[in-house]
Amino acid sequence: MWWFRQSFQKKFNNIKGGWRTSHVQQVLGEPKEVEDTIVPLGSGWGSQPALTFKIKPGEPVKQWMFEDDGQYYYLWFAKVGRTNDDLWRVTLTKQTSHKL
């Protein structure tokens, strides 16, 4: 029954700040691109109000990109916690019509 299939955009819009990477993968599948990086020193990127978890310059951040029907869907993860149990949590989501 194809009408029960939820669109990728609808699934993406349900992603909330604080979700673990494993939970995101269960909902969206594997990302098309993954980038592990560090917030540049002197950057204010990690302190913008839209972030669920603030990230200081010099701290790590993961960026996942998904593509569906000409749209690009980005998720950024902050490293949260001190255990080995999936430390990464969604801190920001963004949908665009062009690749960042």
C-alpha atoms as a PDB file:
ATOM      1  CA  MET A   1       0.000   0.000   0.000  1.00  0.00           C
ATOM      2  CA  TRP A   2       2.104   2.847  -1.349  1.00  0.00           C
ATOM      3  CA  TRP A   3      -0.015   5.626   0.173  1.00  0.00           C
ATOM      4  CA  PHE A   4       1.288   4.694   3.641  1.00  0.00           C
ATOM      5  CA  ARG A   5       4.858   5.449   2.563  1.00  0.00           C
ATOM      6  CA  GLN A   6       5.896   8.626   4.315  1.00  0.00           C
ATOM      7  CA  SER A   7       7.877  11.119   2.199  1.00  0.00           C
ATOM      8  CA  PHE A   8      11.532  11.697   2.989  1.00  0.00           C
ATOM      9  CA  GLN A   9      10.787  15.355   3.713  1.00  0.00           C
ATOM     10  CA  LYS A  10       8.129  14.426   6.250  1.00  0.00           C
ATOM     11  CA  LYS A  11      10.516  11.950   7.932  1.00  0.00           C
ATOM     12  CA  PHE A  12      13.253  14.605   7.984  1.00  0.00           C
ATOM     13  CA  ASN A  13      10.907  17.179   9.493  1.00  0.00           C
ATOM     14  CA  ASN A  14      10.204  14.764  12.356  1.00  0.00           C
ATOM     15  CA  ILE A  15      13.894  14.652  13.376  1.00  0.00           C
ATOM     16  CA  LYS A  16      14.360  16.483  16.675  1.00  0.00           C
ATOM     17  CA  GLY A  17      17.349  18.003  18.410  1.00  0.00           C
ATOM     18  CA  GLY A  18      18.939  15.485  20.752  1.00  0.00           C
ATOM     19  CA  TRP A  19      18.315  12.400  18.593  1.00  0.00           C
ATOM     20  CA  ARG A  20      21.176   9.900  18.443  1.00  0.00           C
ATOM     21  CA  THR A  21      22.858   9.026  15.154  1.00  0.00           C
ATOM     22  CA  SER A  22      21.475   5.491  15.397  1.00  0.00           C
ATOM     23  CA  HIS A  23      17.906   6.810  15.720  1.00  0.00           C
ATOM     24  CA  VAL A  24      18.370   9.091  12.691  1.00  0.00           C
ATOM     25  CA  GLN A  25      19.681   6.126  10.655  1.00  0.00           C
ATOM     26  CA  GLN A  26      16.632   4.063  11.592  1.00  0.00           C
ATOM     27  CA  VAL A  27      14.339   6.801  10.283  1.00  0.00           C
ATOM     28  CA  LEU A  28      16.283   8.162   7.285  1.00  0.00           C
ATOM     29  CA  GLY A  29      18.744   5.406   6.393  1.00  0.00           C
ATOM     30  CA  GLU A  30      22.388   6.004   5.512  1.00  0.00           C
ATOM     31  CA  PRO A  31      23.458   9.549   4.623  1.00  0.00           C
ATOM     32  CA  LYS A  32      24.787  10.273   1.144  1.00  0.00           C
ATOM     33  CA  GLU A  33      27.736  12.221   2.569  1.00  0.00           C
ATOM     34  CA  VAL A  34      29.337  12.342   6.013  1.00  0.00           C
ATOM     35  CA  GLU A  35      31.855  14.931   7.139  1.00  0.00           C
ATOM     36  CA  ASP A  36      33.680  14.936  10.458  1.00  0.00           C
ATOM     37  CA  THR A  37      35.135  18.336  11.202  1.00  0.00           C
ATOM     38  CA  ILE A  38      35.942  20.800  13.944  1.00  0.00           C
ATOM     39  CA  VAL A  39      34.316  24.180  14.539  1.00  0.00           C
ATOM     40  CA  PRO A  40      37.022  26.650  13.474  1.00  0.00           C
ATOM     41  CA  LEU A  41      38.724  28.686  16.174  1.00  0.00           C
ATOM     42  CA  GLY A  42      37.236  32.152  16.345  1.00  0.00           C
ATOM     43  CA  SER A  43      33.995  30.952  14.733  1.00  0.00           C
ATOM     44  CA  GLY A  44      30.581  31.769  16.149  1.00  0.00           C
ATOM     45  CA  TRP A  45      28.933  28.928  14.198  1.00  0.00           C
ATOM     46  CA  GLY A  46      28.604  26.677  17.241  1.00  0.00           C
ATOM     47  CA  SER A  47      26.848  29.264  19.374  1.00  0.00           C
ATOM     48  CA  GLN A  48      23.961  30.228  17.071  1.00  0.00           C
ATOM     49  CA  PRO A  49      20.547  30.223  18.797  1.00  0.00           C
ATOM     50  CA  ALA A  50      19.065  27.492  16.559  1.00  0.00           C
ATOM     51  CA  LEU A  51      21.451  24.845  17.932  1.00  0.00           C
ATOM     52  CA  THR A  52      20.095  22.359  20.448  1.00  0.00           C
ATOM     53  CA  PHE A  53      23.624  21.877  21.851  1.00  0.00           C
ATOM     54  CA  LYS A  54      26.176  24.683  21.670  1.00  0.00           C
ATOM     55  CA  ILE A  55      29.556  23.738  20.196  1.00  0.00           C
ATOM     56  CA  LYS A  56      32.651  25.728  21.122  1.00  0.00           C
ATOM     57  CA  PRO A  57      35.382  26.580  18.610  1.00  0.00           C
ATOM     58  CA  GLY A  58      37.814  23.667  18.432  1.00  0.00           C
ATOM     59  CA  GLU A  59      35.149  21.066  19.278  1.00  0.00           C
ATOM     60  CA  PRO A  60      34.174  18.280  16.862  1.00  0.00           C
ATOM     61  CA  VAL A  61      30.993  18.275  14.790  1.00  0.00           C
ATOM     62  CA  LYS A  62      29.510  15.728  12.356  1.00  0.00           C
ATOM     63  CA  GLN A  63      27.636  16.777   9.238  1.00  0.00           C
ATOM     64  CA  TRP A  64      25.353  14.341   7.425  1.00  0.00           C
ATOM     65  CA  MET A  65      23.797  15.119   4.066  1.00  0.00           C
ATOM     66  CA  PHE A  66      20.871  13.340   2.458  1.00  0.00           C
ATOM     67  CA  GLU A  67      19.501  14.024  -1.021  1.00  0.00           C
ATOM     68  CA  ASP A  68      15.959  13.332  -2.170  1.00  0.00           C
ATOM     69  CA  ASP A  69      13.956  14.619  -5.116  1.00  0.00           C
ATOM     70  CA  GLY A  70      16.292  17.550  -5.851  1.00  0.00           C
ATOM     71  CA  GLN A  71      16.436  18.675  -2.217  1.00  0.00           C
ATOM     72  CA  TYR A  72      19.377  18.496   0.190  1.00  0.00           C
ATOM     73  CA  TYR A  73      18.837  17.669   3.833  1.00  0.00           C
ATOM     74  CA  TYR A  74      21.558  18.413   6.377  1.00  0.00           C
ATOM     75  CA  LEU A  75      21.984  17.299   9.961  1.00  0.00           C
ATOM     76  CA  TRP A  76      24.712  18.439  12.299  1.00  0.00           C
ATOM     77  CA  PHE A  77      25.618  16.454  15.394  1.00  0.00           C
ATOM     78  CA  ALA A  78      27.329  17.668  18.555  1.00  0.00           C
ATOM     79  CA  LYS A  79      29.412  15.368  20.725  1.00  0.00           C
ATOM     80  CA  VAL A  80      27.469  15.052  23.969  1.00  0.00           C
ATOM     81  CA  GLY A  81      28.181  12.873  26.994  1.00  0.00           C
ATOM     82  CA  ARG A  82      31.141  10.875  28.203  1.00  0.00           C
ATOM     83  CA  THR A  83      30.216   7.239  27.633  1.00  0.00           C
ATOM     84  CA  ASN A  84      30.905   5.062  24.619  1.00  0.00           C
ATOM     85  CA  ASP A  85      27.159   4.856  23.931  1.00  0.00           C
ATOM     86  CA  ASP A  86      26.568   6.926  20.759  1.00  0.00           C
ATOM     87  CA  LEU A  87      27.908  10.262  21.980  1.00  0.00           C
ATOM     88  CA  TRP A  88      26.595  12.224  18.992  1.00  0.00           C
ATOM     89  CA  ARG A  89      23.260  14.090  19.121  1.00  0.00           C
ATOM     90  CA  VAL A  90      21.410  16.151  16.523  1.00  0.00           C
ATOM     91  CA  THR A  91      22.013  19.826  17.172  1.00  0.00           C
ATOM     92  CA  LEU A  92      20.772  21.417  13.914  1.00  0.00           C
ATOM     93  CA  THR A  93      18.779  20.443  10.801  1.00  0.00           C
ATOM     94  CA  LYS A  94      18.417  22.287   7.495  1.00  0.00           C
ATOM     95  CA  GLN A  95      16.757  21.613   4.138  1.00  0.00           C
ATOM     96  CA  THR A  96      17.960  23.459   1.021  1.00  0.00           C
ATOM     97  CA  SER A  97      17.456  23.354  -2.731  1.00  0.00           C
ATOM     98  CA  HIS A  98      21.223  23.501  -3.270  1.00  0.00           C
ATOM     99  CA  LYS A  99      24.238  21.719  -1.882  1.00  0.00           C
ATOM    100  CA  LEU A 100      26.079  23.510   0.914  1.00  0.00           C
END
